[in-house]
PDB file of all heavy atoms in Angstrom:
ATOM      1  N   PHE A   1     102.972 123.152  97.744  1.00  0.00           N
ATOM      2  CA  PHE A   1     102.230 123.988  98.689  1.00  0.00           C
ATOM      3  C   PHE A   1     101.582 125.190  97.996  1.00  0.00           C
ATOM      4  O   PHE A   1     100.848 125.941  98.633  1.00  0.00           O
ATOM      5  CB  PHE A   1     103.160 124.466  99.807  1.00  0.00           C
ATOM      6  CG  PHE A   1     103.532 123.384 100.779  1.00  0.00           C
ATOM      7  CD1 PHE A   1     104.633 122.574 100.555  1.00  0.00           C
ATOM      8  CD2 PHE A   1     102.775 123.149 101.912  1.00  0.00           C
ATOM      9  CE1 PHE A   1     104.984 121.565 101.434  1.00  0.00           C
ATOM     10  CE2 PHE A   1     103.101 122.136 102.808  1.00  0.00           C
ATOM     11  CZ  PHE A   1     104.208 121.349 102.571  1.00  0.00           C
ATOM     12  N   GLU A   2     101.850 125.368  96.724  1.00  0.00           N
ATOM     13  CA  GLU A   2     101.280 126.507  95.994  1.00  0.00           C
ATOM     14  C   GLU A   2     100.057 126.095  95.170  1.00  0.00           C
ATOM     15  O   GLU A   2      99.530 126.898  94.405  1.00  0.00           O
ATOM     16  CB  GLU A   2     102.345 127.122  95.067  1.00  0.00           C
ATOM     17  CG  GLU A   2     103.660 127.472  95.756  1.00  0.00           C
ATOM     18  CD  GLU A   2     103.453 128.318  97.004  1.00  0.00           C
ATOM     19  OE1 GLU A   2     102.633 129.256  96.954  1.00  0.00           O
ATOM     20  OE2 GLU A   2     104.086 128.028  98.036  1.00  0.00           O
ATOM     21  N   ASN A   3      99.608 124.874  95.326  1.00  0.00           N
ATOM     22  CA  ASN A   3      98.451 124.393  94.574  1.00  0.00           C
ATOM     23  C   ASN A   3      97.197 125.138  95.036  1.00  0.00           C
ATOM     24  O   ASN A   3      96.812 125.060  96.199  1.00  0.00           O
ATOM     25  CB  ASN A   3      98.293 122.882  94.795  1.00  0.00           C
ATOM     26  CG  ASN A   3      97.249 122.259  93.890  1.00  0.00           C
ATOM     27  OD1 ASN A   3      96.138 122.761  93.755  1.00  0.00           O
ATOM     28  ND2 ASN A   3      97.615 121.149  93.265  1.00  0.00           N
ATOM     29  N   THR A   4      96.567 125.874  94.146  1.00  0.00           N
ATOM     30  CA  THR A   4      95.415 126.690  94.533  1.00  0.00           C
ATOM     31  C   THR A   4      94.109 125.908  94.538  1.00  0.00           C
ATOM     32  O   THR A   4      93.151 126.301  95.199  1.00  0.00           O
ATOM     33  CB  THR A   4      95.271 127.891  93.586  1.00  0.00           C
ATOM     34  OG1 THR A   4      95.218 127.420  92.239  1.00  0.00           O
ATOM     35  CG2 THR A   4      96.434 128.847  93.744  1.00  0.00           C
ATOM     36  N   ARG A   5      94.071 124.812  93.798  1.00  0.00           N
ATOM     37  CA  ARG A   5      92.843 124.013  93.776  1.00  0.00           C
ATOM     38  C   ARG A   5      92.718 123.159  95.029  1.00  0.00           C
ATOM     39  O   ARG A   5      91.638 123.047  95.607  1.00  0.00           O
ATOM     40  CB  ARG A   5      92.827 123.120  92.531  1.00  0.00           C
ATOM     41  CG  ARG A   5      91.512 122.375  92.359  1.00  0.00           C
ATOM     42  CD  ARG A   5      91.538 121.489  91.125  1.00  0.00           C
ATOM     43  NE  ARG A   5      90.262 120.795  90.942  1.00  0.00           N
ATOM     44  CZ  ARG A   5      90.094 119.780  90.118  1.00  0.00           C
ATOM     45  NH1 ARG A   5      91.114 119.330  89.391  1.00  0.00           N
ATOM     46  NH2 ARG A   5      88.912 119.201  89.996  1.00  0.00           N
ATOM     47  N   PHE A   6      93.813 122.554  95.470  1.00  0.00           N
ATOM     48  CA  PHE A   6      93.816 121.708  96.658  1.00  0.00           C
ATOM     49  C   PHE A   6      94.887 122.210  97.635  1.00  0.00           C
ATOM     50  O   PHE A   6      95.927 121.563  97.807  1.00  0.00           O
ATOM     51  CB  PHE A   6      94.095 120.243  96.292  1.00  0.00           C
ATOM     52  CG  PHE A   6      93.136 119.666  95.290  1.00  0.00           C
ATOM     53  CD1 PHE A   6      93.590 119.114  94.105  1.00  0.00           C
ATOM     54  CD2 PHE A   6      91.770 119.673  95.540  1.00  0.00           C
ATOM     55  CE1 PHE A   6      92.705 118.578  93.181  1.00  0.00           C
ATOM     56  CE2 PHE A   6      90.884 119.142  94.627  1.00  0.00           C
ATOM     57  CZ  PHE A   6      91.343 118.589  93.435  1.00  0.00           C
ATOM     58  N   PRO A   7      94.687 123.363  98.259  1.00  0.00           N
ATOM     59  CA  PRO A   7      95.714 123.893  99.166  1.00  0.00           C
ATOM     60  C   PRO A   7      95.920 122.979 100.364  1.00  0.00           C
ATOM     61  O   PRO A   7      94.972 122.381 100.881  1.00  0.00           O
ATOM     62  CB  PRO A   7      95.128 125.242  99.602  1.00  0.00           C
ATOM     63  CG  PRO A   7      93.654 125.095  99.419  1.00  0.00           C
ATOM     64  CD  PRO A   7      93.475 124.208  98.225  1.00  0.00           C
ATOM     65  N   ILE A   8      97.162 122.842 100.787  1.00  0.00           N
ATOM     66  CA  ILE A   8      97.471 122.003 101.949  1.00  0.00           C
ATOM     67  C   ILE A   8      97.283 122.839 103.208  1.00  0.00           C
ATOM     68  O   ILE A   8      98.021 123.789 103.453  1.00  0.00           O
ATOM     69  CB  ILE A   8      98.910 121.452 101.847  1.00  0.00           C
ATOM     70  CG1 ILE A   8      99.033 120.523 100.640  1.00  0.00           C
ATOM     71  CG2 ILE A   8      99.289 120.713 103.138  1.00  0.00           C
ATOM     72  CD1 ILE A   8     100.460 120.068 100.346  1.00  0.00           C
ATOM     73  N   TYR A   9      96.275 122.482 104.008  1.00  0.00           N
ATOM     74  CA  TYR A   9      96.008 123.191 105.263  1.00  0.00           C
ATOM     75  C   TYR A   9      96.855 122.630 106.416  1.00  0.00           C
ATOM     76  O   TYR A   9      97.150 123.332 107.365  1.00  0.00           O
ATOM     77  CB  TYR A   9      94.535 123.074 105.635  1.00  0.00           C
ATOM     78  CG  TYR A   9      93.619 124.048 104.940  1.00  0.00           C
ATOM     79  CD1 TYR A   9      93.727 124.287 103.575  1.00  0.00           C
ATOM     80  CD2 TYR A   9      92.633 124.722 105.653  1.00  0.00           C
ATOM     81  CE1 TYR A   9      92.875 125.171 102.927  1.00  0.00           C
ATOM     82  CE2 TYR A   9      91.776 125.612 105.024  1.00  0.00           C
ATOM     83  CZ  TYR A   9      91.899 125.833 103.657  1.00  0.00           C
ATOM     84  OH  TYR A   9      91.055 126.717 103.037  1.00  0.00           O
ATOM     85  N   GLY A  10      97.183 121.349 106.330  1.00  0.00           N
ATOM     86  CA  GLY A  10      97.933 120.700 107.402  1.00  0.00           C
ATOM     87  C   GLY A  10      97.839 119.201 107.258  1.00  0.00           C
ATOM     88  O   GLY A  10      97.508 118.678 106.177  1.00  0.00           O
ATOM     89  N   GLY A  11      98.115 118.478 108.338  1.00  0.00           N
ATOM     90  CA  GLY A  11      98.069 117.024 108.292  1.00  0.00           C
ATOM     91  C   GLY A  11      97.973 116.421 109.673  1.00  0.00           C
ATOM     92  O   GLY A  11      98.246 117.079 110.683  1.00  0.00           O
ATOM     93  N   LEU A  12      97.552 115.172 109.720  1.00  0.00           N
ATOM     94  CA  LEU A  12      97.517 114.416 110.973  1.00  0.00           C
ATOM     95  C   LEU A  12      98.663 113.416 110.947  1.00  0.00           C
ATOM     96  O   LEU A  12      98.704 112.530 110.091  1.00  0.00           O
ATOM     97  CB  LEU A  12      96.181 113.688 111.130  1.00  0.00           C
ATOM     98  CG  LEU A  12      95.997 112.922 112.446  1.00  0.00           C
ATOM     99  CD1 LEU A  12      95.954 113.872 113.634  1.00  0.00           C
ATOM    100  CD2 LEU A  12      94.735 112.053 112.416  1.00  0.00           C
ATOM    101  N   LEU A  13      99.594 113.572 111.861  1.00  0.00           N
ATOM    102  CA  LEU A  13     100.771 112.699 111.951  1.00  0.00           C
ATOM    103  C   LEU A  13     100.500 111.563 112.925  1.00  0.00           C
ATOM    104  O   LEU A  13     100.065 111.799 114.057  1.00  0.00           O
ATOM    105  CB  LEU A  13     101.990 113.514 112.403  1.00  0.00           C
ATOM    106  CG  LEU A  13     103.261 112.722 112.757  1.00  0.00           C
ATOM    107  CD1 LEU A  13     103.800 111.975 111.539  1.00  0.00           C
ATOM    108  CD2 LEU A  13     104.325 113.657 113.336  1.00  0.00           C
ATOM    109  N   HIS A  14     100.734 110.351 112.476  1.00  0.00           N
ATOM    110  CA  HIS A  14     100.618 109.137 113.303  1.00  0.00           C
ATOM    111  C   HIS A  14     102.034 108.553 113.405  1.00  0.00           C
ATOM    112  O   HIS A  14     102.438 107.737 112.572  1.00  0.00           O
ATOM    113  CB  HIS A  14      99.643 108.176 112.621  1.00  0.00           C
ATOM    114  CG  HIS A  14      99.491 106.844 113.277  1.00  0.00           C
ATOM    115  ND1 HIS A  14      99.686 106.623 114.620  1.00  0.00           N
ATOM    116  CD2 HIS A  14      99.130 105.632 112.750  1.00  0.00           C
ATOM    117  CE1 HIS A  14      99.461 105.362 114.891  1.00  0.00           C
ATOM    118  NE2 HIS A  14      99.134 104.733 113.776  1.00  0.00           N
ATOM    119  N   PRO A  15     102.824 108.985 114.403  1.00  0.00           N
ATOM    120  CA  PRO A  15     104.260 108.634 114.425  1.00  0.00           C
ATOM    121  C   PRO A  15     104.554 107.140 114.471  1.00  0.00           C
ATOM    122  O   PRO A  15     105.572 106.694 113.929  1.00  0.00           O
ATOM    123  CB  PRO A  15     104.771 109.334 115.691  1.00  0.00           C
ATOM    124  CG  PRO A  15     103.813 110.456 115.924  1.00  0.00           C
ATOM    125  CD  PRO A  15     102.483 109.925 115.481  1.00  0.00           C
ATOM    126  N   ARG A  16     103.695 106.337 115.109  1.00  0.00           N
ATOM    127  CA  ARG A  16     103.972 104.908 115.228  1.00  0.00           C
ATOM    128  C   ARG A  16     103.546 104.126 113.988  1.00  0.00           C
ATOM    129  O   ARG A  16     103.826 102.932 113.880  1.00  0.00           O
ATOM    130  CB  ARG A  16     103.267 104.332 116.455  1.00  0.00           C
ATOM    131  CG  ARG A  16     103.913 104.757 117.773  1.00  0.00           C
ATOM    132  CD  ARG A  16     103.041 104.405 118.961  1.00  0.00           C
ATOM    133  NE  ARG A  16     102.788 102.982 119.055  1.00  0.00           N
ATOM    134  CZ  ARG A  16     101.626 102.460 119.484  1.00  0.00           C
ATOM    135  NH1 ARG A  16     100.631 103.255 119.804  1.00  0.00           N
ATOM    136  NH2 ARG A  16     101.482 101.156 119.571  1.00  0.00           N
ATOM    137  N   GLY A  17     102.876 104.784 113.059  1.00  0.00           N
ATOM    138  CA  GLY A  17     102.520 104.124 111.814  1.00  0.00           C
ATOM    139  C   GLY A  17     103.739 103.982 110.916  1.00  0.00           C
ATOM    140  O   GLY A  17     104.803 104.551 111.170  1.00  0.00           O
ATOM    141  N   GLY A  18     103.587 103.237 109.850  1.00  0.00           N
ATOM    142  CA  GLY A  18     104.720 103.058 108.942  1.00  0.00           C
ATOM    143  C   GLY A  18     104.445 101.989 107.914  1.00  0.00           C
ATOM    144  O   GLY A  18     103.347 101.899 107.363  1.00  0.00           O
ATOM    145  N   SER A  19     105.436 101.156 107.666  1.00  0.00           N
ATOM    146  CA  SER A  19     105.308 100.127 106.639  1.00  0.00           C
ATOM    147  C   SER A  19     106.126  98.906 107.031  1.00  0.00           C
ATOM    148  O   SER A  19     106.877  98.923 108.016  1.00  0.00           O
ATOM    149  CB  SER A  19     105.771 100.656 105.272  1.00  0.00           C
ATOM    150  OG  SER A  19     107.155 100.978 105.317  1.00  0.00           O
ATOM    151  N   ALA A  20     105.971  97.845 106.279  1.00  0.00           N
ATOM    152  CA  ALA A  20     106.746  96.613 106.469  1.00  0.00           C
ATOM    153  C   ALA A  20     106.874  95.943 105.108  1.00  0.00           C
ATOM    154  O   ALA A  20     106.164  96.287 104.163  1.00  0.00           O
ATOM    155  CB  ALA A  20     106.066  95.681 107.462  1.00  0.00           C
ATOM    156  N   ARG A  21     107.788  95.003 105.000  1.00  0.00           N
ATOM    157  CA  ARG A  21     107.941  94.279 103.731  1.00  0.00           C
ATOM    158  C   ARG A  21     106.906  93.158 103.685  1.00  0.00           C
ATOM    159  O   ARG A  21     106.946  92.221 104.504  1.00  0.00           O
ATOM    160  CB  ARG A  21     109.345  93.715 103.595  1.00  0.00           C
ATOM    161  CG  ARG A  21     109.525  93.003 102.268  1.00  0.00           C
ATOM    162  CD  ARG A  21     110.946  92.574 101.996  1.00  0.00           C
ATOM    163  NE  ARG A  21     110.997  91.779 100.779  1.00  0.00           N
ATOM    164  CZ  ARG A  21     112.105  91.284 100.245  1.00  0.00           C
ATOM    165  NH1 ARG A  21     113.266  91.533 100.810  1.00  0.00           N
ATOM    166  NH2 ARG A  21     112.061  90.566  99.150  1.00  0.00           N
ATOM    167  N   HIS A  22     105.977  93.240 102.734  1.00  0.00           N
ATOM    168  CA  HIS A  22     104.808  92.368 102.750  1.00  0.00           C
ATOM    169  C   HIS A  22     105.151  90.889 102.643  1.00  0.00           C
ATOM    170  O   HIS A  22     104.654  90.067 103.429  1.00  0.00           O
ATOM    171  CB  HIS A  22     103.832  92.768 101.641  1.00  0.00           C
ATOM    172  CG  HIS A  22     104.468  92.970 100.297  1.00  0.00           C
ATOM    173  ND1 HIS A  22     104.668  91.945  99.421  1.00  0.00           N
ATOM    174  CD2 HIS A  22     104.934  94.086  99.688  1.00  0.00           C
ATOM    175  CE1 HIS A  22     105.224  92.414  98.322  1.00  0.00           C
ATOM    176  NE2 HIS A  22     105.403  93.718  98.453  1.00  0.00           N
ATOM    177  N   ASP A  23     106.005  90.513 101.685  1.00  0.00           N
ATOM    178  CA  ASP A  23     106.280  89.086 101.519  1.00  0.00           C
ATOM    179  C   ASP A  23     107.087  88.533 102.696  1.00  0.00           C
ATOM    180  O   ASP A  23     106.925  87.368 103.083  1.00  0.00           O
ATOM    181  CB  ASP A  23     106.982  88.779 100.190  1.00  0.00           C
ATOM    182  CG  ASP A  23     108.042  89.797  99.818  1.00  0.00           C
ATOM    183  OD1 ASP A  23     108.420  90.615 100.683  1.00  0.00           O
ATOM    184  OD2 ASP A  23     108.490  89.784  98.659  1.00  0.00           O
ATOM    185  N   ALA A  24     107.928  89.364 103.325  1.00  0.00           N
ATOM    186  CA  ALA A  24     108.692  88.904 104.485  1.00  0.00           C
ATOM    187  C   ALA A  24     107.771  88.587 105.661  1.00  0.00           C
ATOM    188  O   ALA A  24     108.081  87.705 106.476  1.00  0.00           O
ATOM    189  CB  ALA A  24     109.723  89.960 104.893  1.00  0.00           C
ATOM    190  N   VAL A  25     106.645  89.275 105.754  1.00  0.00           N
ATOM    191  CA  VAL A  25     105.671  88.976 106.810  1.00  0.00           C
ATOM    192  C   VAL A  25     105.107  87.570 106.610  1.00  0.00           C
ATOM    193  O   VAL A  25     105.014  86.770 107.551  1.00  0.00           O
ATOM    194  CB  VAL A  25     104.540  90.028 106.824  1.00  0.00           C
ATOM    195  CG1 VAL A  25     103.465  89.657 107.843  1.00  0.00           C
ATOM    196  CG2 VAL A  25     105.104  91.409 107.128  1.00  0.00           C
ATOM    197  N   ALA A  26     104.753  87.251 105.357  1.00  0.00           N
ATOM    198  CA  ALA A  26     104.261  85.902 105.060  1.00  0.00           C
ATOM    199  C   ALA A  26     105.334  84.862 105.356  1.00  0.00           C
ATOM    200  O   ALA A  26     105.067  83.827 105.988  1.00  0.00           O
ATOM    201  CB  ALA A  26     103.824  85.814 103.595  1.00  0.00           C
ATOM    202  N   TRP A  27     106.563  85.135 104.936  1.00  0.00           N
ATOM    203  CA  TRP A  27     107.642  84.164 105.157  1.00  0.00           C
ATOM    204  C   TRP A  27     107.921  83.974 106.652  1.00  0.00           C
ATOM    205  O   TRP A  27     108.161  82.853 107.099  1.00  0.00           O
ATOM    206  CB  TRP A  27     108.917  84.636 104.450  1.00  0.00           C
ATOM    207  CG  TRP A  27     108.770  84.786 102.968  1.00  0.00           C
ATOM    208  CD1 TRP A  27     107.852  84.163 102.156  1.00  0.00           C
ATOM    209  CD2 TRP A  27     109.552  85.629 102.116  1.00  0.00           C
ATOM    210  NE1 TRP A  27     108.016  84.572 100.853  1.00  0.00           N
ATOM    211  CE2 TRP A  27     109.049  85.470 100.794  1.00  0.00           C
ATOM    212  CE3 TRP A  27     110.617  86.499 102.323  1.00  0.00           C
ATOM    213  CZ2 TRP A  27     109.583  86.146  99.704  1.00  0.00           C
ATOM    214  CZ3 TRP A  27     111.149  87.176 101.233  1.00  0.00           C
ATOM    215  CH2 TRP A  27     110.642  86.999  99.936  1.00  0.00           C
ATOM    216  N   GLY A  28     107.892  85.045 107.408  1.00  0.00           N
ATOM    217  CA  GLY A  28     108.154  84.948 108.840  1.00  0.00           C
ATOM    218  C   GLY A  28     107.120  84.099 109.549  1.00  0.00           C
ATOM    219  O   GLY A  28     107.456  83.225 110.374  1.00  0.00           O
ATOM    220  N   TYR A  29     105.844  84.349 109.248  1.00  0.00           N
ATOM    221  CA  TYR A  29     104.781  83.543 109.877  1.00  0.00           C
ATOM    222  C   TYR A  29     104.834  82.097 109.386  1.00  0.00           C
ATOM    223  O   TYR A  29     104.598  81.156 110.164  1.00  0.00           O
ATOM    224  CB  TYR A  29     103.412  84.147 109.585  1.00  0.00           C
ATOM    225  CG  TYR A  29     102.999  85.212 110.574  1.00  0.00           C
ATOM    226  CD1 TYR A  29     102.752  86.517 110.171  1.00  0.00           C
ATOM    227  CD2 TYR A  29     102.845  84.916 111.927  1.00  0.00           C
ATOM    228  CE1 TYR A  29     102.368  87.497 111.083  1.00  0.00           C
ATOM    229  CE2 TYR A  29     102.462  85.886 112.848  1.00  0.00           C
ATOM    230  CZ  TYR A  29     102.228  87.174 112.416  1.00  0.00           C
ATOM    231  OH  TYR A  29     101.855  88.135 113.321  1.00  0.00           O
ATOM    232  N   ALA A  30     105.138  81.902 108.095  1.00  0.00           N
ATOM    233  CA  ALA A  30     105.229  80.537 107.564  1.00  0.00           C
ATOM    234  C   ALA A  30     106.346  79.765 108.270  1.00  0.00           C
ATOM    235  O   ALA A  30     106.158  78.614 108.687  1.00  0.00           O
ATOM    236  CB  ALA A  30     105.484  80.587 106.057  1.00  0.00           C
ATOM    237  N   ARG A  31     107.486  80.397 108.412  1.00  0.00           N
ATOM    238  CA  ARG A  31     108.622  79.754 109.087  1.00  0.00           C
ATOM    239  C   ARG A  31     108.289  79.431 110.544  1.00  0.00           C
ATOM    240  O   ARG A  31     108.559  78.329 111.027  1.00  0.00           O
ATOM    241  CB  ARG A  31     109.832  80.683 109.001  1.00  0.00           C
ATOM    242  CG  ARG A  31     111.058  80.239 109.778  1.00  0.00           C
ATOM    243  CD  ARG A  31     112.201  81.209 109.504  1.00  0.00           C
ATOM    244  NE  ARG A  31     113.346  80.965 110.359  1.00  0.00           N
ATOM    245  CZ  ARG A  31     113.538  81.545 111.539  1.00  0.00           C
ATOM    246  NH1 ARG A  31     112.642  82.396 112.008  1.00  0.00           N
ATOM    247  NH2 ARG A  31     114.612  81.268 112.255  1.00  0.00           N
ATOM    248  N   GLY A  32     107.662  80.399 111.240  1.00  0.00           N
ATOM    249  CA  GLY A  32     107.310  80.180 112.640  1.00  0.00           C
ATOM    250  C   GLY A  32     106.293  79.070 112.822  1.00  0.00           C
ATOM    251  O   GLY A  32     106.394  78.265 113.757  1.00  0.00           O
ATOM    252  N   ALA A  33     105.290  79.017 111.934  1.00  0.00           N
ATOM    253  CA  ALA A  33     104.279  77.965 112.022  1.00  0.00           C
ATOM    254  C   ALA A  33     104.891  76.606 111.722  1.00  0.00           C
ATOM    255  O   ALA A  33     104.629  75.612 112.421  1.00  0.00           O
ATOM    256  CB  ALA A  33     103.132  78.270 111.056  1.00  0.00           C
ATOM    257  N   ASP A  34     105.724  76.541 110.684  1.00  0.00           N
ATOM    258  CA  ASP A  34     106.364  75.279 110.312  1.00  0.00           C
ATOM    259  C   ASP A  34     107.243  74.745 111.438  1.00  0.00           C
ATOM    260  O   ASP A  34     107.245  73.538 111.719  1.00  0.00           O
ATOM    261  CB  ASP A  34     107.184  75.492 109.041  1.00  0.00           C
ATOM    262  CG  ASP A  34     107.931  74.245 108.616  1.00  0.00           C
ATOM    263  OD1 ASP A  34     107.310  73.377 107.977  1.00  0.00           O
ATOM    264  OD2 ASP A  34     109.129  74.131 108.948  1.00  0.00           O
ATOM    265  N   GLN A  35     107.968  75.622 112.101  1.00  0.00           N
ATOM    266  CA  GLN A  35     108.830  75.194 113.201  1.00  0.00           C
ATOM    267  C   GLN A  35     108.039  74.585 114.354  1.00  0.00           C
ATOM    268  O   GLN A  35     108.582  73.818 115.140  1.00  0.00           O
ATOM    269  CB  GLN A  35     109.651  76.381 113.711  1.00  0.00           C
ATOM    270  CG  GLN A  35     110.748  76.822 112.765  1.00  0.00           C
ATOM    271  CD  GLN A  35     111.495  78.043 113.270  1.00  0.00           C
ATOM    272  OE1 GLN A  35     110.991  78.815 114.096  1.00  0.00           O
ATOM    273  NE2 GLN A  35     112.696  78.261 112.767  1.00  0.00           N
ATOM    274  N   ARG A  36     106.756  74.932 114.447  1.00  0.00           N
ATOM    275  CA  ARG A  36     105.899  74.400 115.511  1.00  0.00           C
ATOM    276  C   ARG A  36     105.053  73.229 115.048  1.00  0.00           C
ATOM    277  O   ARG A  36     104.124  72.812 115.739  1.00  0.00           O
ATOM    278  CB  ARG A  36     105.025  75.526 116.068  1.00  0.00           C
ATOM    279  CG  ARG A  36     105.832  76.502 116.914  1.00  0.00           C
ATOM    280  CD  ARG A  36     105.099  77.812 117.181  1.00  0.00           C
ATOM    281  NE  ARG A  36     105.862  78.636 118.128  1.00  0.00           N
ATOM    282  CZ  ARG A  36     106.913  79.375 117.804  1.00  0.00           C
ATOM    283  NH1 ARG A  36     107.328  79.393 116.550  1.00  0.00           N
ATOM    284  NH2 ARG A  36     107.551  80.080 118.717  1.00  0.00           N
ATOM    285  N   GLY A  37     105.350  72.693 113.862  1.00  0.00           N
ATOM    286  CA  GLY A  37     104.714  71.464 113.407  1.00  0.00           C
ATOM    287  C   GLY A  37     103.547  71.621 112.467  1.00  0.00           C
ATOM    288  O   GLY A  37     102.913  70.636 112.075  1.00  0.00           O
ATOM    289  N   VAL A  38     103.211  72.854 112.079  1.00  0.00           N
ATOM    290  CA  VAL A  38     102.111  73.078 111.142  1.00  0.00           C
ATOM    291  C   VAL A  38     102.540  72.654 109.738  1.00  0.00           C
ATOM    292  O   VAL A  38     103.665  72.929 109.309  1.00  0.00           O
ATOM    293  CB  VAL A  38     101.706  74.568 111.150  1.00  0.00           C
ATOM    294  CG1 VAL A  38     100.676  74.864 110.061  1.00  0.00           C
ATOM    295  CG2 VAL A  38     101.169  74.961 112.519  1.00  0.00           C
TER     296      VAL A  38
END
């Protein structure tokens, strides 16, 4: 917060944003599609 070149004035908080495990997303959809005959 003491950076004089790029002082932090504030921020925009998006509480519902976040992250997920990328490869698990692929595996989950792959498993779901396969179970339905794809």
